[in-house]
Amino acid sequence: KGRFTISGDVAKKMVYLQMNALKPEDTA
């Protein structure tokens, strides 16, 4: 929360994930 943002158009079957201020623990 506060670092990632999900967006997109579900009706068009598209989704995005903007990831900012990434940390090593985000590795996956």
mmCIF file of all heavy atoms, coordinates in Angstrom:
data_MODEL
# 
_entry.id   MODEL 
# 
loop_
_atom_site.group_PDB 
_atom_site.id 
_atom_site.type_symbol 
_atom_site.label_atom_id 
_atom_site.label_alt_id 
_atom_site.label_comp_id 
_atom_site.label_asym_id 
_atom_site.label_entity_id 
_atom_site.label_seq_id 
_atom_site.pdbx_PDB_ins_code 
_atom_site.Cartn_x 
_atom_site.Cartn_y 
_atom_site.Cartn_z 
_atom_site.occupancy 
_atom_site.B_iso_or_equiv 
_atom_site.pdbx_formal_charge 
_atom_site.auth_seq_id 
_atom_site.auth_comp_id 
_atom_site.auth_asym_id 
_atom_site.auth_atom_id 
_atom_site.pdbx_PDB_model_num 
ATOM 1   N N   . LYS A 1 1  ? 0.830   -1.197  0.000   1.00 0.00 ? 1  LYS A N   1 
ATOM 2   C CA  . LYS A 1 1  ? 0.000   0.000   0.000   1.00 0.00 ? 1  LYS A CA  1 
ATOM 3   C C   . LYS A 1 1  ? 0.868   1.253   0.000   1.00 0.00 ? 1  LYS A C   1 
ATOM 4   O O   . LYS A 1 1  ? 1.836   1.358   0.742   1.00 0.00 ? 1  LYS A O   1 
ATOM 5   C CB  . LYS A 1 1  ? -0.925  0.014   1.211   1.00 0.00 ? 1  LYS A CB  1 
ATOM 6   C CG  . LYS A 1 1  ? -2.069  -0.970  1.122   1.00 0.00 ? 1  LYS A CG  1 
ATOM 7   C CD  . LYS A 1 1  ? -2.967  -0.890  2.353   1.00 0.00 ? 1  LYS A CD  1 
ATOM 8   C CE  . LYS A 1 1  ? -4.131  -1.860  2.256   1.00 0.00 ? 1  LYS A CE  1 
ATOM 9   N NZ  . LYS A 1 1  ? -4.981  -1.827  3.463   1.00 0.00 ? 1  LYS A NZ  1 
ATOM 10  N N   . GLY A 1 2  ? 0.510   2.189   -0.851  1.00 0.00 ? 2  GLY A N   1 
ATOM 11  C CA  . GLY A 1 2  ? 1.260   3.423   -0.969  1.00 0.00 ? 2  GLY A CA  1 
ATOM 12  C C   . GLY A 1 2  ? 2.413   3.348   -1.933  1.00 0.00 ? 2  GLY A C   1 
ATOM 13  O O   . GLY A 1 2  ? 2.989   4.384   -2.283  1.00 0.00 ? 2  GLY A O   1 
ATOM 14  N N   . ARG A 1 3  ? 2.762   2.154   -2.355  1.00 0.00 ? 3  ARG A N   1 
ATOM 15  C CA  . ARG A 1 3  ? 3.873   1.981   -3.283  1.00 0.00 ? 3  ARG A CA  1 
ATOM 16  C C   . ARG A 1 3  ? 3.430   1.425   -4.632  1.00 0.00 ? 3  ARG A C   1 
ATOM 17  O O   . ARG A 1 3  ? 3.973   1.794   -5.670  1.00 0.00 ? 3  ARG A O   1 
ATOM 18  C CB  . ARG A 1 3  ? 4.937   1.053   -2.686  1.00 0.00 ? 3  ARG A CB  1 
ATOM 19  C CG  . ARG A 1 3  ? 5.559   1.580   -1.401  1.00 0.00 ? 3  ARG A CG  1 
ATOM 20  C CD  . ARG A 1 3  ? 6.745   0.727   -0.967  1.00 0.00 ? 3  ARG A CD  1 
ATOM 21  N NE  . ARG A 1 3  ? 6.351   -0.650  -0.681  1.00 0.00 ? 3  ARG A NE  1 
ATOM 22  C CZ  . ARG A 1 3  ? 6.831   -1.712  -1.324  1.00 0.00 ? 3  ARG A CZ  1 
ATOM 23  N NH1 . ARG A 1 3  ? 7.733   -1.561  -2.289  1.00 0.00 ? 3  ARG A NH1 1 
ATOM 24  N NH2 . ARG A 1 3  ? 6.420   -2.929  -0.991  1.00 0.00 ? 3  ARG A NH2 1 
ATOM 25  N N   . PHE A 1 4  ? 2.466   0.516   -4.603  1.00 0.00 ? 4  PHE A N   1 
ATOM 26  C CA  . PHE A 1 4  ? 1.979   -0.112  -5.827  1.00 0.00 ? 4  PHE A CA  1 
ATOM 27  C C   . PHE A 1 4  ? 0.603   0.429   -6.181  1.00 0.00 ? 4  PHE A C   1 
ATOM 28  O O   . PHE A 1 4  ? -0.198  0.755   -5.300  1.00 0.00 ? 4  PHE A O   1 
ATOM 29  C CB  . PHE A 1 4  ? 1.864   -1.625  -5.655  1.00 0.00 ? 4  PHE A CB  1 
ATOM 30  C CG  . PHE A 1 4  ? 3.167   -2.358  -5.507  1.00 0.00 ? 4  PHE A CG  1 
ATOM 31  C CD1 . PHE A 1 4  ? 4.369   -1.680  -5.339  1.00 0.00 ? 4  PHE A CD1 1 
ATOM 32  C CD2 . PHE A 1 4  ? 3.183   -3.743  -5.538  1.00 0.00 ? 4  PHE A CD2 1 
ATOM 33  C CE1 . PHE A 1 4  ? 5.568   -2.361  -5.196  1.00 0.00 ? 4  PHE A CE1 1 
ATOM 34  C CE2 . PHE A 1 4  ? 4.374   -4.438  -5.399  1.00 0.00 ? 4  PHE A CE2 1 
ATOM 35  C CZ  . PHE A 1 4  ? 5.564   -3.754  -5.232  1.00 0.00 ? 4  PHE A CZ  1 
ATOM 36  N N   . THR A 1 5  ? 0.322   0.486   -7.471  1.00 0.00 ? 5  THR A N   1 
ATOM 37  C CA  . THR A 1 5  ? -0.985  0.900   -7.954  1.00 0.00 ? 5  THR A CA  1 
ATOM 38  C C   . THR A 1 5  ? -1.455  -0.050  -9.042  1.00 0.00 ? 5  THR A C   1 
ATOM 39  O O   . THR A 1 5  ? -0.754  -0.258  -10.029 1.00 0.00 ? 5  THR A O   1 
ATOM 40  C CB  . THR A 1 5  ? -0.954  2.333   -8.510  1.00 0.00 ? 5  THR A CB  1 
ATOM 41  O OG1 . THR A 1 5  ? -0.501  3.239   -7.503  1.00 0.00 ? 5  THR A OG1 1 
ATOM 42  C CG2 . THR A 1 5  ? -2.349  2.756   -8.957  1.00 0.00 ? 5  THR A CG2 1 
ATOM 43  N N   . ILE A 1 6  ? -2.640  -0.608  -8.848  1.00 0.00 ? 6  ILE A N   1 
ATOM 44  C CA  . ILE A 1 6  ? -3.219  -1.457  -9.871  1.00 0.00 ? 6  ILE A CA  1 
ATOM 45  C C   . ILE A 1 6  ? -4.204  -0.634  -10.684 1.00 0.00 ? 6  ILE A C   1 
ATOM 46  O O   . ILE A 1 6  ? -4.938  0.196   -10.143 1.00 0.00 ? 6  ILE A O   1 
ATOM 47  C CB  . ILE A 1 6  ? -3.904  -2.700  -9.259  1.00 0.00 ? 6  ILE A CB  1 
ATOM 48  C CG1 . ILE A 1 6  ? -4.336  -3.678  -10.365 1.00 0.00 ? 6  ILE A CG1 1 
ATOM 49  C CG2 . ILE A 1 6  ? -5.086  -2.312  -8.385  1.00 0.00 ? 6  ILE A CG2 1 
ATOM 50  C CD1 . ILE A 1 6  ? -4.784  -5.031  -9.837  1.00 0.00 ? 6  ILE A CD1 1 
ATOM 51  N N   . SER A 1 7  ? -4.210  -0.841  -11.975 1.00 0.00 ? 7  SER A N   1 
ATOM 52  C CA  . SER A 1 7  ? -5.108  -0.121  -12.855 1.00 0.00 ? 7  SER A CA  1 
ATOM 53  C C   . SER A 1 7  ? -5.405  -0.986  -14.066 1.00 0.00 ? 7  SER A C   1 
ATOM 54  O O   . SER A 1 7  ? -4.838  -2.063  -14.233 1.00 0.00 ? 7  SER A O   1 
ATOM 55  C CB  . SER A 1 7  ? -4.502  1.219   -13.288 1.00 0.00 ? 7  SER A CB  1 
ATOM 56  O OG  . SER A 1 7  ? -3.330  1.012   -14.051 1.00 0.00 ? 7  SER A OG  1 
ATOM 57  N N   . GLY A 1 8  ? -6.289  -0.499  -14.899 1.00 0.00 ? 8  GLY A N   1 
ATOM 58  C CA  . GLY A 1 8  ? -6.594  -1.218  -16.114 1.00 0.00 ? 8  GLY A CA  1 
ATOM 59  C C   . GLY A 1 8  ? -8.055  -1.127  -16.483 1.00 0.00 ? 8  GLY A C   1 
ATOM 60  O O   . GLY A 1 8  ? -8.807  -0.307  -15.966 1.00 0.00 ? 8  GLY A O   1 
ATOM 61  N N   . ASP A 1 9  ? -8.424  -1.974  -17.394 1.00 0.00 ? 9  ASP A N   1 
ATOM 62  C CA  . ASP A 1 9  ? -9.792  -2.039  -17.879 1.00 0.00 ? 9  ASP A CA  1 
ATOM 63  C C   . ASP A 1 9  ? -10.188 -3.505  -17.881 1.00 0.00 ? 9  ASP A C   1 
ATOM 64  O O   . ASP A 1 9  ? -9.857  -4.252  -18.806 1.00 0.00 ? 9  ASP A O   1 
ATOM 65  C CB  . ASP A 1 9  ? -9.888  -1.429  -19.280 1.00 0.00 ? 9  ASP A CB  1 
ATOM 66  C CG  . ASP A 1 9  ? -11.315 -1.250  -19.745 1.00 0.00 ? 9  ASP A CG  1 
ATOM 67  O OD1 . ASP A 1 9  ? -12.203 -1.986  -19.284 1.00 0.00 ? 9  ASP A OD1 1 
ATOM 68  O OD2 . ASP A 1 9  ? -11.554 -0.368  -20.591 1.00 0.00 ? 9  ASP A OD2 1 
ATOM 69  N N   . VAL A 1 10 ? -10.873 -3.896  -16.851 1.00 0.00 ? 10 VAL A N   1 
ATOM 70  C CA  . VAL A 1 10 ? -11.252 -5.292  -16.710 1.00 0.00 ? 10 VAL A CA  1 
ATOM 71  C C   . VAL A 1 10 ? -12.157 -5.737  -17.855 1.00 0.00 ? 10 VAL A C   1 
ATOM 72  O O   . VAL A 1 10 ? -12.050 -6.869  -18.333 1.00 0.00 ? 10 VAL A O   1 
ATOM 73  C CB  . VAL A 1 10 ? -11.926 -5.540  -15.348 1.00 0.00 ? 10 VAL A CB  1 
ATOM 74  C CG1 . VAL A 1 10 ? -12.445 -6.969  -15.256 1.00 0.00 ? 10 VAL A CG1 1 
ATOM 75  C CG2 . VAL A 1 10 ? -10.936 -5.267  -14.219 1.00 0.00 ? 10 VAL A CG2 1 
ATOM 76  N N   . ALA A 1 11 ? -13.038 -4.839  -18.300 1.00 0.00 ? 11 ALA A N   1 
ATOM 77  C CA  . ALA A 1 11 ? -13.934 -5.162  -19.401 1.00 0.00 ? 11 ALA A CA  1 
ATOM 78  C C   . ALA A 1 11 ? -13.155 -5.492  -20.667 1.00 0.00 ? 11 ALA A C   1 
ATOM 79  O O   . ALA A 1 11 ? -13.586 -6.312  -21.475 1.00 0.00 ? 11 ALA A O   1 
ATOM 80  C CB  . ALA A 1 11 ? -14.900 -4.015  -19.662 1.00 0.00 ? 11 ALA A CB  1 
ATOM 81  N N   . LYS A 1 12 ? -12.016 -4.843  -20.838 1.00 0.00 ? 12 LYS A N   1 
ATOM 82  C CA  . LYS A 1 12 ? -11.157 -5.110  -21.982 1.00 0.00 ? 12 LYS A CA  1 
ATOM 83  C C   . LYS A 1 12 ? -10.107 -6.167  -21.667 1.00 0.00 ? 12 LYS A C   1 
ATOM 84  O O   . LYS A 1 12 ? -9.235  -6.441  -22.484 1.00 0.00 ? 12 LYS A O   1 
ATOM 85  C CB  . LYS A 1 12 ? -10.485 -3.824  -22.459 1.00 0.00 ? 12 LYS A CB  1 
ATOM 86  C CG  . LYS A 1 12 ? -11.466 -2.801  -23.013 1.00 0.00 ? 12 LYS A CG  1 
ATOM 87  C CD  . LYS A 1 12 ? -10.751 -1.562  -23.535 1.00 0.00 ? 12 LYS A CD  1 
ATOM 88  C CE  . LYS A 1 12 ? -11.728 -0.576  -24.117 1.00 0.00 ? 12 LYS A CE  1 
ATOM 89  N NZ  . LYS A 1 12 ? -11.043 0.637   -24.621 1.00 0.00 ? 12 LYS A NZ  1 
ATOM 90  N N   . LYS A 1 13 ? -10.189 -6.712  -20.466 1.00 0.00 ? 13 LYS A N   1 
ATOM 91  C CA  . LYS A 1 13 ? -9.326  -7.811  -20.042 1.00 0.00 ? 13 LYS A CA  1 
ATOM 92  C C   . LYS A 1 13 ? -7.857  -7.411  -20.007 1.00 0.00 ? 13 LYS A C   1 
ATOM 93  O O   . LYS A 1 13 ? -6.976  -8.178  -20.409 1.00 0.00 ? 13 LYS A O   1 
ATOM 94  C CB  . LYS A 1 13 ? -9.547  -9.033  -20.938 1.00 0.00 ? 13 LYS A CB  1 
ATOM 95  C CG  . LYS A 1 13 ? -10.993 -9.503  -20.985 1.00 0.00 ? 13 LYS A CG  1 
ATOM 96  C CD  . LYS A 1 13 ? -11.179 -10.680 -21.925 1.00 0.00 ? 13 LYS A CD  1 
ATOM 97  C CE  . LYS A 1 13 ? -12.619 -11.185 -21.911 1.00 0.00 ? 13 LYS A CE  1 
ATOM 98  N NZ  . LYS A 1 13 ? -13.568 -10.177 -22.424 1.00 0.00 ? 13 LYS A NZ  1 
ATOM 99  N N   . MET A 1 14 ? -7.602  -6.219  -19.511 1.00 0.00 ? 14 MET A N   1 
ATOM 100 C CA  . MET A 1 14 ? -6.238  -5.727  -19.361 1.00 0.00 ? 14 MET A CA  1 
ATOM 101 C C   . MET A 1 14 ? -6.045  -5.163  -17.964 1.00 0.00 ? 14 MET A C   1 
ATOM 102 O O   . MET A 1 14 ? -6.933  -4.505  -17.426 1.00 0.00 ? 14 MET A O   1 
ATOM 103 C CB  . MET A 1 14 ? -5.939  -4.642  -20.402 1.00 0.00 ? 14 MET A CB  1 
ATOM 104 C CG  . MET A 1 14 ? -6.006  -5.114  -21.841 1.00 0.00 ? 14 MET A CG  1 
ATOM 105 S SD  . MET A 1 14 ? -5.562  -3.807  -23.016 1.00 0.00 ? 14 MET A SD  1 
ATOM 106 C CE  . MET A 1 14 ? -6.947  -2.694  -22.792 1.00 0.00 ? 14 MET A CE  1 
ATOM 107 N N   . VAL A 1 15 ? -4.895  -5.415  -17.395 1.00 0.00 ? 15 VAL A N   1 
ATOM 108 C CA  . VAL A 1 15 ? -4.592  -4.911  -16.064 1.00 0.00 ? 15 VAL A CA  1 
ATOM 109 C C   . VAL A 1 15 ? -3.103  -4.597  -15.970 1.00 0.00 ? 15 VAL A C   1 
ATOM 110 O O   . VAL A 1 15 ? -2.283  -5.240  -16.637 1.00 0.00 ? 15 VAL A O   1 
ATOM 111 C CB  . VAL A 1 15 ? -5.021  -5.925  -14.978 1.00 0.00 ? 15 VAL A CB  1 
ATOM 112 C CG1 . VAL A 1 15 ? -4.168  -7.191  -15.040 1.00 0.00 ? 15 VAL A CG1 1 
ATOM 113 C CG2 . VAL A 1 15 ? -4.969  -5.300  -13.600 1.00 0.00 ? 15 VAL A CG2 1 
ATOM 114 N N   . TYR A 1 16 ? -2.779  -3.602  -15.132 1.00 0.00 ? 16 TYR A N   1 
ATOM 115 C CA  . TYR A 1 16 ? -1.409  -3.171  -14.963 1.00 0.00 ? 16 TYR A CA  1 
ATOM 116 C C   . TYR A 1 16 ? -1.085  -3.061  -13.482 1.00 0.00 ? 16 TYR A C   1 
ATOM 117 O O   . TYR A 1 16 ? -1.962  -2.902  -12.650 1.00 0.00 ? 16 TYR A O   1 
ATOM 118 C CB  . TYR A 1 16 ? -1.181  -1.807  -15.625 1.00 0.00 ? 16 TYR A CB  1 
ATOM 119 C CG  . TYR A 1 16 ? -1.662  -1.749  -17.055 1.00 0.00 ? 16 TYR A CG  1 
ATOM 120 C CD1 . TYR A 1 16 ? -2.941  -1.305  -17.360 1.00 0.00 ? 16 TYR A CD1 1 
ATOM 121 C CD2 . TYR A 1 16 ? -0.834  -2.152  -18.101 1.00 0.00 ? 16 TYR A CD2 1 
ATOM 122 C CE1 . TYR A 1 16 ? -3.392  -1.265  -18.667 1.00 0.00 ? 16 TYR A CE1 1 
ATOM 123 C CE2 . TYR A 1 16 ? -1.272  -2.117  -19.412 1.00 0.00 ? 16 TYR A CE2 1 
ATOM 124 C CZ  . TYR A 1 16 ? -2.554  -1.671  -19.695 1.00 0.00 ? 16 TYR A CZ  1 
ATOM 125 O OH  . TYR A 1 16 ? -2.989  -1.633  -20.991 1.00 0.00 ? 16 TYR A OH  1 
ATOM 126 N N   . LEU A 1 17 ? 0.179   -3.131  -13.182 1.00 0.00 ? 17 LEU A N   1 
ATOM 127 C CA  . LEU A 1 17 ? 0.638   -2.924  -11.817 1.00 0.00 ? 17 LEU A CA  1 
ATOM 128 C C   . LEU A 1 17 ? 1.855   -2.024  -11.852 1.00 0.00 ? 17 LEU A C   1 
ATOM 129 O O   . LEU A 1 17 ? 2.925   -2.438  -12.313 1.00 0.00 ? 17 LEU A O   1 
ATOM 130 C CB  . LEU A 1 17 ? 0.982   -4.253  -11.137 1.00 0.00 ? 17 LEU A CB  1 
ATOM 131 C CG  . LEU A 1 17 ? 1.371   -4.147  -9.663  1.00 0.00 ? 17 LEU A CG  1 
ATOM 132 C CD1 . LEU A 1 17 ? 0.163   -3.732  -8.821  1.00 0.00 ? 17 LEU A CD1 1 
ATOM 133 C CD2 . LEU A 1 17 ? 1.929   -5.472  -9.149  1.00 0.00 ? 17 LEU A CD2 1 
ATOM 134 N N   . GLN A 1 18 ? 1.683   -0.798  -11.382 1.00 0.00 ? 18 GLN A N   1 
ATOM 135 C CA  . GLN A 1 18 ? 2.789   0.133   -11.266 1.00 0.00 ? 18 GLN A CA  1 
ATOM 136 C C   . GLN A 1 18 ? 3.431   -0.060  -9.909  1.00 0.00 ? 18 GLN A C   1 
ATOM 137 O O   . GLN A 1 18 ? 2.772   0.090   -8.884  1.00 0.00 ? 18 GLN A O   1 
ATOM 138 C CB  . GLN A 1 18 ? 2.308   1.577   -11.423 1.00 0.00 ? 18 GLN A CB  1 
ATOM 139 C CG  . GLN A 1 18 ? 3.398   2.621   -11.292 1.00 0.00 ? 18 GLN A CG  1 
ATOM 140 C CD  . GLN A 1 18 ? 4.417   2.550   -12.405 1.00 0.00 ? 18 GLN A CD  1 
ATOM 141 O OE1 . GLN A 1 18 ? 4.053   2.424   -13.564 1.00 0.00 ? 18 GLN A OE1 1 
ATOM 142 N NE2 . GLN A 1 18 ? 5.686   2.620   -12.051 1.00 0.00 ? 18 GLN A NE2 1 
ATOM 143 N N   . MET A 1 19 ? 4.703   -0.385  -9.899  1.00 0.00 ? 19 MET A N   1 
ATOM 144 C CA  . MET A 1 19 ? 5.426   -0.662  -8.669  1.00 0.00 ? 19 MET A CA  1 
ATOM 145 C C   . MET A 1 19 ? 6.511   0.382   -8.483  1.00 0.00 ? 19 MET A C   1 
ATOM 146 O O   . MET A 1 19 ? 7.445   0.469   -9.284  1.00 0.00 ? 19 MET A O   1 
ATOM 147 C CB  . MET A 1 19 ? 6.026   -2.066  -8.701  1.00 0.00 ? 19 MET A CB  1 
ATOM 148 C CG  . MET A 1 19 ? 5.013   -3.171  -8.961  1.00 0.00 ? 19 MET A CG  1 
ATOM 149 S SD  . MET A 1 19 ? 5.742   -4.832  -8.863  1.00 0.00 ? 19 MET A SD  1 
ATOM 150 C CE  . MET A 1 19 ? 6.810   -4.775  -10.309 1.00 0.00 ? 19 MET A CE  1 
ATOM 151 N N   . ASN A 1 20 ? 6.380   1.169   -7.433  1.00 0.00 ? 20 ASN A N   1 
ATOM 152 C CA  . ASN A 1 20 ? 7.351   2.203   -7.112  1.00 0.00 ? 20 ASN A CA  1 
ATOM 153 C C   . ASN A 1 20 ? 8.022   1.890   -5.781  1.00 0.00 ? 20 ASN A C   1 
ATOM 154 O O   . ASN A 1 20 ? 7.526   1.097   -4.986  1.00 0.00 ? 20 ASN A O   1 
ATOM 155 C CB  . ASN A 1 20 ? 6.671   3.574   -7.040  1.00 0.00 ? 20 ASN A CB  1 
ATOM 156 C CG  . ASN A 1 20 ? 6.054   3.999   -8.344  1.00 0.00 ? 20 ASN A CG  1 
ATOM 157 O OD1 . ASN A 1 20 ? 6.567   3.713   -9.419  1.00 0.00 ? 20 ASN A OD1 1 
ATOM 158 N ND2 . ASN A 1 20 ? 4.925   4.713   -8.258  1.00 0.00 ? 20 ASN A ND2 1 
ATOM 159 N N   . ALA A 1 21 ? 9.133   2.559   -5.540  1.00 0.00 ? 21 ALA A N   1 
ATOM 160 C CA  . ALA A 1 21 ? 9.868   2.389   -4.286  1.00 0.00 ? 21 ALA A CA  1 
ATOM 161 C C   . ALA A 1 21 ? 10.077  0.918   -3.960  1.00 0.00 ? 21 ALA A C   1 
ATOM 162 O O   . ALA A 1 21 ? 9.834   0.468   -2.839  1.00 0.00 ? 21 ALA A O   1 
ATOM 163 C CB  . ALA A 1 21 ? 9.140   3.106   -3.150  1.00 0.00 ? 21 ALA A CB  1 
ATOM 164 N N   . LEU A 1 22 ? 10.526  0.187   -4.944  1.00 0.00 ? 22 LEU A N   1 
ATOM 165 C CA  . LEU A 1 22 ? 10.688  -1.248  -4.779  1.00 0.00 ? 22 LEU A CA  1 
ATOM 166 C C   . LEU A 1 22 ? 11.738  -1.586  -3.728  1.00 0.00 ? 22 LEU A C   1 
ATOM 167 O O   . LEU A 1 22 ? 12.744  -0.898  -3.586  1.00 0.00 ? 22 LEU A O   1 
ATOM 168 C CB  . LEU A 1 22 ? 11.057  -1.885  -6.109  1.00 0.00 ? 22 LEU A CB  1 
ATOM 169 C CG  . LEU A 1 22 ? 9.880   -2.044  -7.081  1.00 0.00 ? 22 LEU A CG  1 
ATOM 170 C CD1 . LEU A 1 22 ? 10.378  -2.262  -8.498  1.00 0.00 ? 22 LEU A CD1 1 
ATOM 171 C CD2 . LEU A 1 22 ? 8.999   -3.209  -6.633  1.00 0.00 ? 22 LEU A CD2 1 
ATOM 172 N N   . LYS A 1 23 ? 11.466  -2.654  -3.010  1.00 0.00 ? 23 LYS A N   1 
ATOM 173 C CA  . LYS A 1 23 ? 12.336  -3.142  -1.958  1.00 0.00 ? 23 LYS A CA  1 
ATOM 174 C C   . LYS A 1 23 ? 12.806  -4.551  -2.293  1.00 0.00 ? 23 LYS A C   1 
ATOM 175 O O   . LYS A 1 23 ? 12.126  -5.271  -3.024  1.00 0.00 ? 23 LYS A O   1 
ATOM 176 C CB  . LYS A 1 23 ? 11.593  -3.163  -0.619  1.00 0.00 ? 23 LYS A CB  1 
ATOM 177 C CG  . LYS A 1 23 ? 10.995  -1.839  -0.198  1.00 0.00 ? 23 LYS A CG  1 
ATOM 178 C CD  . LYS A 1 23 ? 10.169  -2.003  1.069   1.00 0.00 ? 23 LYS A CD  1 
ATOM 179 C CE  . LYS A 1 23 ? 9.543   -0.697  1.505   1.00 0.00 ? 23 LYS A CE  1 
ATOM 180 N NZ  . LYS A 1 23 ? 8.723   -0.868  2.736   1.00 0.00 ? 23 LYS A NZ  1 
ATOM 181 N N   . PRO A 1 24 ? 13.932  -4.970  -1.746  1.00 0.00 ? 24 PRO A N   1 
ATOM 182 C CA  . PRO A 1 24 ? 14.387  -6.342  -1.995  1.00 0.00 ? 24 PRO A CA  1 
ATOM 183 C C   . PRO A 1 24 ? 13.346  -7.385  -1.631  1.00 0.00 ? 24 PRO A C   1 
ATOM 184 O O   . PRO A 1 24 ? 13.264  -8.429  -2.302  1.00 0.00 ? 24 PRO A O   1 
ATOM 185 C CB  . PRO A 1 24 ? 15.634  -6.461  -1.117  1.00 0.00 ? 24 PRO A CB  1 
ATOM 186 C CG  . PRO A 1 24 ? 16.169  -5.070  -1.062  1.00 0.00 ? 24 PRO A CG  1 
ATOM 187 C CD  . PRO A 1 24 ? 14.944  -4.192  -0.999  1.00 0.00 ? 24 PRO A CD  1 
ATOM 188 N N   . GLU A 1 25 ? 12.545  -7.135  -0.608  1.00 0.00 ? 25 GLU A N   1 
ATOM 189 C CA  . GLU A 1 25 ? 11.523  -8.089  -0.217  1.00 0.00 ? 25 GLU A CA  1 
ATOM 190 C C   . GLU A 1 25 ? 10.374  -8.189  -1.213  1.00 0.00 ? 25 GLU A C   1 
ATOM 191 O O   . GLU A 1 25 ? 9.506   -9.055  -1.077  1.00 0.00 ? 25 GLU A O   1 
ATOM 192 C CB  . GLU A 1 25 ? 10.971  -7.768  1.181   1.00 0.00 ? 25 GLU A CB  1 
ATOM 193 C CG  . GLU A 1 25 ? 10.555  -6.322  1.362   1.00 0.00 ? 25 GLU A CG  1 
ATOM 194 C CD  . GLU A 1 25 ? 11.624  -5.476  2.027   1.00 0.00 ? 25 GLU A CD  1 
ATOM 195 O OE1 . GLU A 1 25 ? 12.804  -5.600  1.648   1.00 0.00 ? 25 GLU A OE1 1 
ATOM 196 O OE2 . GLU A 1 25 ? 11.275  -4.692  2.935   1.00 0.00 ? 25 GLU A OE2 1 
ATOM 197 N N   . ASP A 1 26 ? 10.351  -7.317  -2.209  1.00 0.00 ? 26 ASP A N   1 
ATOM 198 C CA  . ASP A 1 26 ? 9.372   -7.430  -3.278  1.00 0.00 ? 26 ASP A CA  1 
ATOM 199 C C   . ASP A 1 26 ? 9.778   -8.459  -4.329  1.00 0.00 ? 26 ASP A C   1 
ATOM 200 O O   . ASP A 1 26 ? 8.994   -8.768  -5.229  1.00 0.00 ? 26 ASP A O   1 
ATOM 201 C CB  . ASP A 1 26 ? 9.162   -6.075  -3.969  1.00 0.00 ? 26 ASP A CB  1 
ATOM 202 C CG  . ASP A 1 26 ? 8.534   -5.040  -3.058  1.00 0.00 ? 26 ASP A CG  1 
ATOM 203 O OD1 . ASP A 1 26 ? 7.601   -5.390  -2.304  1.00 0.00 ? 26 ASP A OD1 1 
ATOM 204 O OD2 . ASP A 1 26 ? 8.967   -3.875  -3.107  1.00 0.00 ? 26 ASP A OD2 1 
ATOM 205 N N   . THR A 1 27 ? 10.985  -8.950  -4.228  1.00 0.00 ? 27 THR A N   1 
ATOM 206 C CA  . THR A 1 27 ? 11.473  -9.944  -5.176  1.00 0.00 ? 27 THR A CA  1 
ATOM 207 C C   . THR A 1 27 ? 10.592  -11.181 -5.147  1.00 0.00 ? 27 THR A C   1 
ATOM 208 O O   . THR A 1 27 ? 10.380  -11.781 -4.094  1.00 0.00 ? 27 THR A O   1 
ATOM 209 C CB  . THR A 1 27 ? 12.920  -10.320 -4.861  1.00 0.00 ? 27 THR A CB  1 
ATOM 210 O OG1 . THR A 1 27 ? 13.766  -9.185  -5.049  1.00 0.00 ? 27 THR A OG1 1 
ATOM 211 C CG2 . THR A 1 27 ? 13.398  -11.449 -5.776  1.00 0.00 ? 27 THR A CG2 1 
ATOM 212 N N   . ALA A 1 28 ? 10.075  -11.550 -6.298  1.00 0.00 ? 28 ALA A N   1 
ATOM 213 C CA  . ALA A 1 28 ? 9.170   -12.690 -6.398  1.00 0.00 ? 28 ALA A CA  1 
ATOM 214 C C   . ALA A 1 28 ? 8.794   -12.897 -7.853  1.00 0.00 ? 28 ALA A C   1 
ATOM 215 O O   . ALA A 1 28 ? 9.090   -12.066 -8.710  1.00 0.00 ? 28 ALA A O   1 
ATOM 216 C CB  . ALA A 1 28 ? 7.905   -12.449 -5.569  1.00 0.00 ? 28 ALA A CB  1 
# 
